[in-house]
Every structure is written in C-alpha cells, then in structure tokens.
Amino acid sequence: MLLGGVKAIPSDMFEAAKTYRITGLQKLRKFIFPAIFPAFITGSITAWGGGWNALVLSEYITFNKQTLSVQGLGALMNEAAYNVGSVTLLTLTIVVMVSVVVGLNRVVWKRLYKITFTKYKLGLMI
C-alpha cells in the first residue's frame, strides 16, 4: 500500500520540492509522509482486519483427530455452532464481533481518515 501511495504522488509535487530546495529529512517530513499517510491508513485497516480474521480462525483447530483451542470469540463460535448447537450463543458471539468491528471503525479508523483527508489533503491544480 505504501508503495502505491508513493507512486500516486504527482510528479509536479516532486518538481515543486526540487524548486523550493526541499531535501533530506525535511522532504520526508513535510512532503512524502503526508502524501503516503492515506495509503498507510488504508493498509493498516486491511492488515488489522486480516490479522484479526486469522486470529479468530486459529483459536479452534482440529488436526489429526486432535483439537487445539484457546479462549476467544473464534473458539466460542465453533463451540456454539458445532458442539453445543446453541443458536442464541452463536448469535451473541456474532453480535459481539460486529460491535467490535463497528466500534473500532467509528472510534479509530474513521477519525484517522478524517485527520488524513483534512490535514494531509493534496489540492488539485486547475
């Protein structure tokens, strides 16, 4: 994602940085980091979501007729669906998962996106 963010920087911006003699750490801090910050946030959301999915999935594993599990939402969902057969418990775990995802989206990611697109906005030159 970050490489895509760097590639998305218009060449005019690099020319402007060269014209104003912006180099080194100042170029990184004032120019490149703000330009790639939206791609960084998007990549962070994707990585966090994929990591959480893998974590929930790996909480309950059956391999060679041996079951390994740890306490967590994934193990609880598997227990509710396959061993206990409780629709209520399964629904409750799904509601908790959805609440966590929606809560994080509203509290963390939405705020970061708002900061990103207000503070680090590249204006279009017409």
N, C-alpha and C. Protein backbone atom coordinates (compact mmCIF):
# COMPACT_ATOMS: atom_id res chain seq x y z
N MET A 1 0.81 -1.19 0.00
CA MET A 1 0.00 0.00 0.00
C MET A 1 0.85 1.27 0.00
N LEU A 2 1.93 1.25 0.76
CA LEU A 2 2.76 2.45 0.83
C LEU A 2 3.44 2.74 -0.49
N LEU A 3 3.86 1.69 -1.18
CA LEU A 3 4.48 1.90 -2.48
C LEU A 3 3.48 2.52 -3.46
N GLY A 4 2.23 2.06 -3.39
CA GLY A 4 1.18 2.67 -4.20
C GLY A 4 0.95 4.12 -3.85
N GLY A 5 1.06 4.43 -2.55
CA GLY A 5 0.93 5.82 -2.11
C GLY A 5 2.04 6.70 -2.65
N VAL A 6 3.26 6.17 -2.68
CA VAL A 6 4.39 6.95 -3.21
C VAL A 6 4.23 7.12 -4.72
N LYS A 7 3.80 6.08 -5.41
CA LYS A 7 3.60 6.18 -6.86
C LYS A 7 2.48 7.14 -7.23
N ALA A 8 1.54 7.34 -6.30
CA ALA A 8 0.40 8.22 -6.58
C ALA A 8 0.74 9.69 -6.41
N ILE A 9 1.92 9.99 -5.87
CA ILE A 9 2.31 11.39 -5.71
C ILE A 9 2.55 11.98 -7.10
N PRO A 10 1.88 13.08 -7.43
CA PRO A 10 2.06 13.68 -8.75
C PRO A 10 3.51 14.14 -8.96
N SER A 11 3.99 14.00 -10.17
CA SER A 11 5.37 14.41 -10.47
C SER A 11 5.55 15.92 -10.28
N ASP A 12 4.47 16.67 -10.41
CA ASP A 12 4.54 18.12 -10.17
C ASP A 12 4.96 18.42 -8.73
N MET A 13 4.55 17.57 -7.80
CA MET A 13 4.92 17.78 -6.40
C MET A 13 6.42 17.58 -6.21
N PHE A 14 6.99 16.58 -6.89
CA PHE A 14 8.43 16.38 -6.81
C PHE A 14 9.18 17.56 -7.43
N GLU A 15 8.64 18.07 -8.52
CA GLU A 15 9.25 19.24 -9.16
C GLU A 15 9.18 20.46 -8.25
N ALA A 16 8.05 20.62 -7.58
CA ALA A 16 7.90 21.75 -6.64
C ALA A 16 8.88 21.62 -5.48
N ALA A 17 9.05 20.39 -4.98
CA ALA A 17 10.00 20.17 -3.89
C ALA A 17 11.42 20.49 -4.34
N LYS A 18 11.73 20.14 -5.57
CA LYS A 18 13.06 20.43 -6.12
C LYS A 18 13.24 21.93 -6.30
N THR A 19 12.19 22.62 -6.77
CA THR A 19 12.26 24.06 -6.99
C THR A 19 12.48 24.82 -5.68
N TYR A 20 11.79 24.39 -4.63
CA TYR A 20 11.92 25.04 -3.33
C TYR A 20 13.09 24.50 -2.50
N ARG A 21 13.89 23.66 -3.12
CA ARG A 21 15.08 23.07 -2.50
C ARG A 21 14.76 22.34 -1.19
N ILE A 22 13.67 21.57 -1.22
CA ILE A 22 13.31 20.75 -0.07
C ILE A 22 14.03 19.42 -0.23
N THR A 23 14.93 19.08 0.72
CA THR A 23 15.71 17.86 0.61
C THR A 23 15.77 17.13 1.96
N GLY A 24 16.24 15.92 1.92
CA GLY A 24 16.53 15.14 3.13
C GLY A 24 15.34 14.91 4.02
N LEU A 25 15.56 15.07 5.32
CA LEU A 25 14.52 14.81 6.31
C LEU A 25 13.34 15.76 6.18
N GLN A 26 13.62 16.98 5.76
CA GLN A 26 12.53 17.94 5.58
C GLN A 26 11.60 17.46 4.47
N LYS A 27 12.16 16.89 3.41
CA LYS A 27 11.36 16.35 2.31
C LYS A 27 10.51 15.18 2.79
N LEU A 28 11.10 14.32 3.60
CA LEU A 28 10.34 13.19 4.16
C LEU A 28 9.22 13.68 5.06
N ARG A 29 9.56 14.57 6.00
CA ARG A 29 8.60 15.01 7.00
C ARG A 29 7.48 15.89 6.43
N LYS A 30 7.83 16.79 5.54
CA LYS A 30 6.85 17.76 5.04
C LYS A 30 6.16 17.35 3.75
N PHE A 31 6.71 16.35 3.06
CA PHE A 31 6.21 16.07 1.73
C PHE A 31 5.81 14.60 1.54
N ILE A 32 6.74 13.69 1.75
CA ILE A 32 6.47 12.29 1.42
C ILE A 32 5.56 11.64 2.46
N PHE A 33 5.85 11.79 3.76
CA PHE A 33 4.99 11.18 4.77
C PHE A 33 3.54 11.66 4.69
N PRO A 34 3.28 12.96 4.58
CA PRO A 34 1.87 13.37 4.43
C PRO A 34 1.22 12.82 3.16
N ALA A 35 2.00 12.65 2.11
CA ALA A 35 1.43 12.14 0.85
C ALA A 35 1.07 10.66 0.94
N ILE A 36 1.83 9.89 1.70
CA ILE A 36 1.56 8.46 1.78
C ILE A 36 0.69 8.08 2.98
N PHE A 37 0.36 9.04 3.84
CA PHE A 37 -0.42 8.74 5.03
C PHE A 37 -1.78 8.10 4.72
N PRO A 38 -2.54 8.56 3.71
CA PRO A 38 -3.81 7.88 3.39
C PRO A 38 -3.62 6.41 3.00
N ALA A 39 -2.58 6.12 2.24
CA ALA A 39 -2.31 4.73 1.87
C ALA A 39 -1.89 3.92 3.09
N PHE A 40 -1.18 4.54 4.01
CA PHE A 40 -0.77 3.87 5.24
C PHE A 40 -1.99 3.50 6.09
N ILE A 41 -2.94 4.41 6.21
CA ILE A 41 -4.15 4.14 6.99
C ILE A 41 -4.96 3.03 6.34
N THR A 42 -5.13 3.07 5.02
CA THR A 42 -5.87 2.03 4.32
C THR A 42 -5.18 0.67 4.49
N GLY A 43 -3.87 0.64 4.36
CA GLY A 43 -3.12 -0.60 4.56
C GLY A 43 -3.23 -1.11 5.99
N SER A 44 -3.26 -0.20 6.94
CA SER A 44 -3.39 -0.59 8.35
C SER A 44 -4.74 -1.24 8.62
N ILE A 45 -5.79 -0.68 8.03
CA ILE A 45 -7.13 -1.26 8.20
C ILE A 45 -7.16 -2.66 7.60
N THR A 46 -6.61 -2.82 6.42
CA THR A 46 -6.59 -4.12 5.76
C THR A 46 -5.78 -5.13 6.56
N ALA A 47 -4.61 -4.73 7.03
CA ALA A 47 -3.75 -5.63 7.80
C ALA A 47 -4.40 -6.00 9.13
N TRP A 48 -5.00 -5.03 9.80
CA TRP A 48 -5.65 -5.31 11.07
C TRP A 48 -6.81 -6.28 10.89
N GLY A 49 -7.62 -6.04 9.87
CA GLY A 49 -8.76 -6.93 9.61
C GLY A 49 -8.32 -8.34 9.26
N GLY A 50 -7.32 -8.46 8.41
CA GLY A 50 -6.82 -9.79 8.05
C GLY A 50 -6.20 -10.51 9.23
N GLY A 51 -5.46 -9.79 10.05
CA GLY A 51 -4.86 -10.38 11.24
C GLY A 51 -5.91 -10.84 12.23
N TRP A 52 -6.94 -10.04 12.42
CA TRP A 52 -7.99 -10.43 13.36
C TRP A 52 -8.75 -11.64 12.85
N ASN A 53 -9.01 -11.69 11.53
CA ASN A 53 -9.68 -12.86 10.96
C ASN A 53 -8.85 -14.12 11.17
N ALA A 54 -7.55 -14.03 10.95
CA ALA A 54 -6.67 -15.18 11.15
C ALA A 54 -6.64 -15.59 12.61
N LEU A 55 -6.64 -14.63 13.52
CA LEU A 55 -6.63 -14.92 14.95
C LEU A 55 -7.91 -15.64 15.37
N VAL A 56 -9.05 -15.13 14.93
CA VAL A 56 -10.33 -15.76 15.28
C VAL A 56 -10.40 -17.17 14.71
N LEU A 57 -9.93 -17.35 13.50
CA LEU A 57 -9.95 -18.67 12.86
C LEU A 57 -9.04 -19.65 13.58
N SER A 58 -7.89 -19.19 14.04
CA SER A 58 -6.91 -20.10 14.63
C SER A 58 -7.16 -20.39 16.10
N GLU A 59 -8.21 -19.88 16.69
CA GLU A 59 -8.50 -20.15 18.09
C GLU A 59 -9.01 -21.55 18.32
N TYR A 60 -9.49 -22.21 17.28
CA TYR A 60 -10.03 -23.56 17.43
C TYR A 60 -9.64 -24.35 16.18
N ILE A 61 -8.73 -25.29 16.36
CA ILE A 61 -8.22 -26.07 15.21
C ILE A 61 -8.32 -27.55 15.53
N THR A 62 -8.83 -28.32 14.57
CA THR A 62 -8.84 -29.77 14.67
C THR A 62 -7.91 -30.32 13.60
N PHE A 63 -6.91 -31.11 14.04
CA PHE A 63 -5.93 -31.67 13.11
C PHE A 63 -5.56 -33.07 13.59
N ASN A 64 -5.64 -34.05 12.69
CA ASN A 64 -5.35 -35.45 13.02
C ASN A 64 -6.14 -35.94 14.24
N LYS A 65 -7.42 -35.65 14.24
CA LYS A 65 -8.34 -36.03 15.31
C LYS A 65 -7.94 -35.47 16.68
N GLN A 66 -7.16 -34.39 16.66
CA GLN A 66 -6.78 -33.71 17.90
C GLN A 66 -7.27 -32.28 17.80
N THR A 67 -7.93 -31.79 18.84
CA THR A 67 -8.47 -30.44 18.85
C THR A 67 -7.63 -29.56 19.77
N LEU A 68 -7.18 -28.47 19.22
CA LEU A 68 -6.43 -27.46 19.97
C LEU A 68 -7.27 -26.19 20.01
N SER A 69 -7.42 -25.60 21.19
CA SER A 69 -8.22 -24.38 21.26
C SER A 69 -7.71 -23.48 22.38
N VAL A 70 -7.99 -22.21 22.23
CA VAL A 70 -7.73 -21.21 23.26
C VAL A 70 -9.03 -20.45 23.47
N GLN A 71 -9.12 -19.71 24.55
CA GLN A 71 -10.34 -18.96 24.81
C GLN A 71 -10.40 -17.74 23.90
N GLY A 72 -11.54 -17.53 23.29
CA GLY A 72 -11.73 -16.38 22.43
C GLY A 72 -13.02 -16.50 21.64
N LEU A 73 -13.30 -15.51 20.83
CA LEU A 73 -14.55 -15.49 20.06
C LEU A 73 -14.62 -16.62 19.04
N GLY A 74 -13.50 -16.91 18.39
CA GLY A 74 -13.49 -17.98 17.39
C GLY A 74 -13.80 -19.33 18.00
N ALA A 75 -13.18 -19.64 19.13
CA ALA A 75 -13.44 -20.91 19.81
C ALA A 75 -14.87 -20.95 20.33
N LEU A 76 -15.35 -19.82 20.84
CA LEU A 76 -16.73 -19.76 21.35
C LEU A 76 -17.74 -19.95 20.21
N MET A 77 -17.47 -19.36 19.06
CA MET A 77 -18.36 -19.54 17.91
C MET A 77 -18.38 -20.99 17.45
N ASN A 78 -17.22 -21.61 17.39
CA ASN A 78 -17.14 -23.00 16.99
C ASN A 78 -17.87 -23.90 17.98
N GLU A 79 -17.67 -23.63 19.25
CA GLU A 79 -18.35 -24.40 20.31
C GLU A 79 -19.86 -24.23 20.18
N ALA A 80 -20.31 -23.01 19.98
CA ALA A 80 -21.75 -22.74 19.88
C ALA A 80 -22.35 -23.40 18.64
N ALA A 81 -21.63 -23.39 17.54
CA ALA A 81 -22.17 -23.90 16.28
C ALA A 81 -22.12 -25.42 16.20
N TYR A 82 -21.02 -26.03 16.62
CA TYR A 82 -20.84 -27.45 16.36
C TYR A 82 -21.03 -28.35 17.58
N ASN A 83 -20.56 -27.94 18.73
CA ASN A 83 -20.64 -28.83 19.90
C ASN A 83 -21.92 -28.65 20.70
N VAL A 84 -22.27 -27.42 21.02
CA VAL A 84 -23.46 -27.15 21.83
C VAL A 84 -24.70 -27.04 20.96
N GLY A 85 -24.55 -26.43 19.79
CA GLY A 85 -25.69 -26.24 18.90
C GLY A 85 -26.63 -25.14 19.37
N SER A 86 -26.07 -24.13 20.02
CA SER A 86 -26.88 -23.05 20.57
C SER A 86 -26.91 -21.87 19.60
N VAL A 87 -28.06 -21.63 19.03
CA VAL A 87 -28.23 -20.51 18.11
C VAL A 87 -28.11 -19.19 18.88
N THR A 88 -28.57 -19.17 20.10
CA THR A 88 -28.51 -17.95 20.91
C THR A 88 -27.06 -17.55 21.18
N LEU A 89 -26.23 -18.53 21.58
CA LEU A 89 -24.83 -18.25 21.85
C LEU A 89 -24.10 -17.84 20.58
N LEU A 90 -24.40 -18.49 19.48
CA LEU A 90 -23.79 -18.14 18.19
C LEU A 90 -24.18 -16.72 17.79
N THR A 91 -25.44 -16.38 17.94
CA THR A 91 -25.90 -15.02 17.62
C THR A 91 -25.23 -13.99 18.51
N LEU A 92 -25.09 -14.31 19.79
CA LEU A 92 -24.44 -13.40 20.72
C LEU A 92 -22.97 -13.15 20.34
N THR A 93 -22.25 -14.19 19.97
CA THR A 93 -20.84 -14.01 19.57
C THR A 93 -20.74 -13.19 18.29
N ILE A 94 -21.66 -13.39 17.37
CA ILE A 94 -21.66 -12.60 16.12
C ILE A 94 -21.97 -11.13 16.43
N VAL A 95 -22.90 -10.88 17.34
CA VAL A 95 -23.22 -9.50 17.72
C VAL A 95 -22.01 -8.84 18.37
N VAL A 96 -21.28 -9.58 19.21
CA VAL A 96 -20.08 -9.03 19.84
C VAL A 96 -19.03 -8.71 18.78
N MET A 97 -18.82 -9.61 17.82
CA MET A 97 -17.84 -9.37 16.76
C MET A 97 -18.20 -8.14 15.93
N VAL A 98 -19.46 -8.04 15.55
CA VAL A 98 -19.91 -6.91 14.75
C VAL A 98 -19.76 -5.61 15.55
N SER A 99 -20.08 -5.66 16.84
CA SER A 99 -19.95 -4.47 17.68
C SER A 99 -18.50 -4.01 17.78
N VAL A 100 -17.58 -4.95 17.92
CA VAL A 100 -16.16 -4.60 17.99
C VAL A 100 -15.70 -3.96 16.70
N VAL A 101 -16.07 -4.55 15.57
CA VAL A 101 -15.65 -4.02 14.27
C VAL A 101 -16.24 -2.64 14.03
N VAL A 102 -17.52 -2.48 14.26
CA VAL A 102 -18.16 -1.18 14.05
C VAL A 102 -17.60 -0.14 15.02
N GLY A 103 -17.39 -0.55 16.27
CA GLY A 103 -16.83 0.37 17.25
C GLY A 103 -15.44 0.85 16.86
N LEU A 104 -14.57 -0.08 16.46
CA LEU A 104 -13.23 0.31 16.02
C LEU A 104 -13.27 1.19 14.77
N ASN A 105 -14.16 0.86 13.85
CA ASN A 105 -14.28 1.68 12.64
C ASN A 105 -14.67 3.11 12.98
N ARG A 106 -15.60 3.27 13.90
CA ARG A 106 -16.07 4.62 14.24
C ARG A 106 -15.11 5.37 15.15
N VAL A 107 -14.49 4.67 16.09
CA VAL A 107 -13.64 5.34 17.07
C VAL A 107 -12.23 5.57 16.53
N VAL A 108 -11.68 4.59 15.85
CA VAL A 108 -10.27 4.69 15.43
C VAL A 108 -10.14 5.05 13.96
N TRP A 109 -10.61 4.17 13.07
CA TRP A 109 -10.31 4.33 11.64
C TRP A 109 -11.00 5.53 11.02
N LYS A 110 -12.25 5.78 11.38
CA LYS A 110 -12.95 6.94 10.82
C LYS A 110 -12.28 8.25 11.22
N ARG A 111 -11.84 8.33 12.47
CA ARG A 111 -11.14 9.54 12.94
C ARG A 111 -9.81 9.72 12.23
N LEU A 112 -9.08 8.61 12.05
CA LEU A 112 -7.80 8.71 11.34
C LEU A 112 -8.01 9.13 9.89
N TYR A 113 -9.05 8.59 9.24
CA TYR A 113 -9.35 9.01 7.87
C TYR A 113 -9.71 10.49 7.82
N LYS A 114 -10.48 10.95 8.79
CA LYS A 114 -10.87 12.36 8.83
C LYS A 114 -9.65 13.26 8.97
N ILE A 115 -8.74 12.89 9.88
CA ILE A 115 -7.49 13.63 10.04
C ILE A 115 -6.69 13.61 8.75
N THR A 116 -6.62 12.43 8.16
CA THR A 116 -5.82 12.26 6.94
C THR A 116 -6.32 13.16 5.82
N PHE A 117 -7.62 13.16 5.60
CA PHE A 117 -8.13 13.89 4.45
C PHE A 117 -8.41 15.36 4.72
N THR A 118 -8.25 15.81 5.96
CA THR A 118 -8.34 17.25 6.21
C THR A 118 -6.94 17.86 6.34
N LYS A 119 -6.07 17.18 7.06
CA LYS A 119 -4.73 17.72 7.30
C LYS A 119 -3.77 17.46 6.15
N TYR A 120 -3.87 16.30 5.54
CA TYR A 120 -2.90 15.90 4.50
C TYR A 120 -3.55 15.82 3.13
N LYS A 121 -4.38 16.77 2.81
CA LYS A 121 -5.09 16.78 1.53
C LYS A 121 -4.24 17.42 0.45
N LEU A 122 -4.08 16.70 -0.66
CA LEU A 122 -3.38 17.29 -1.82
C LEU A 122 -4.41 18.00 -2.68
N GLY A 123 -4.22 19.27 -2.89
CA GLY A 123 -5.17 20.03 -3.68
C GLY A 123 -4.96 19.81 -5.18
N LEU A 124 -6.01 19.88 -5.92
CA LEU A 124 -5.90 19.76 -7.37
C LEU A 124 -5.62 21.13 -7.97
N MET A 125 -4.66 21.14 -8.87
CA MET A 125 -4.33 22.41 -9.55
C MET A 125 -5.09 22.47 -10.85
N ILE A 126 -5.86 23.54 -11.01
CA ILE A 126 -6.63 23.68 -12.24
C ILE A 126 -6.12 24.88 -13.02
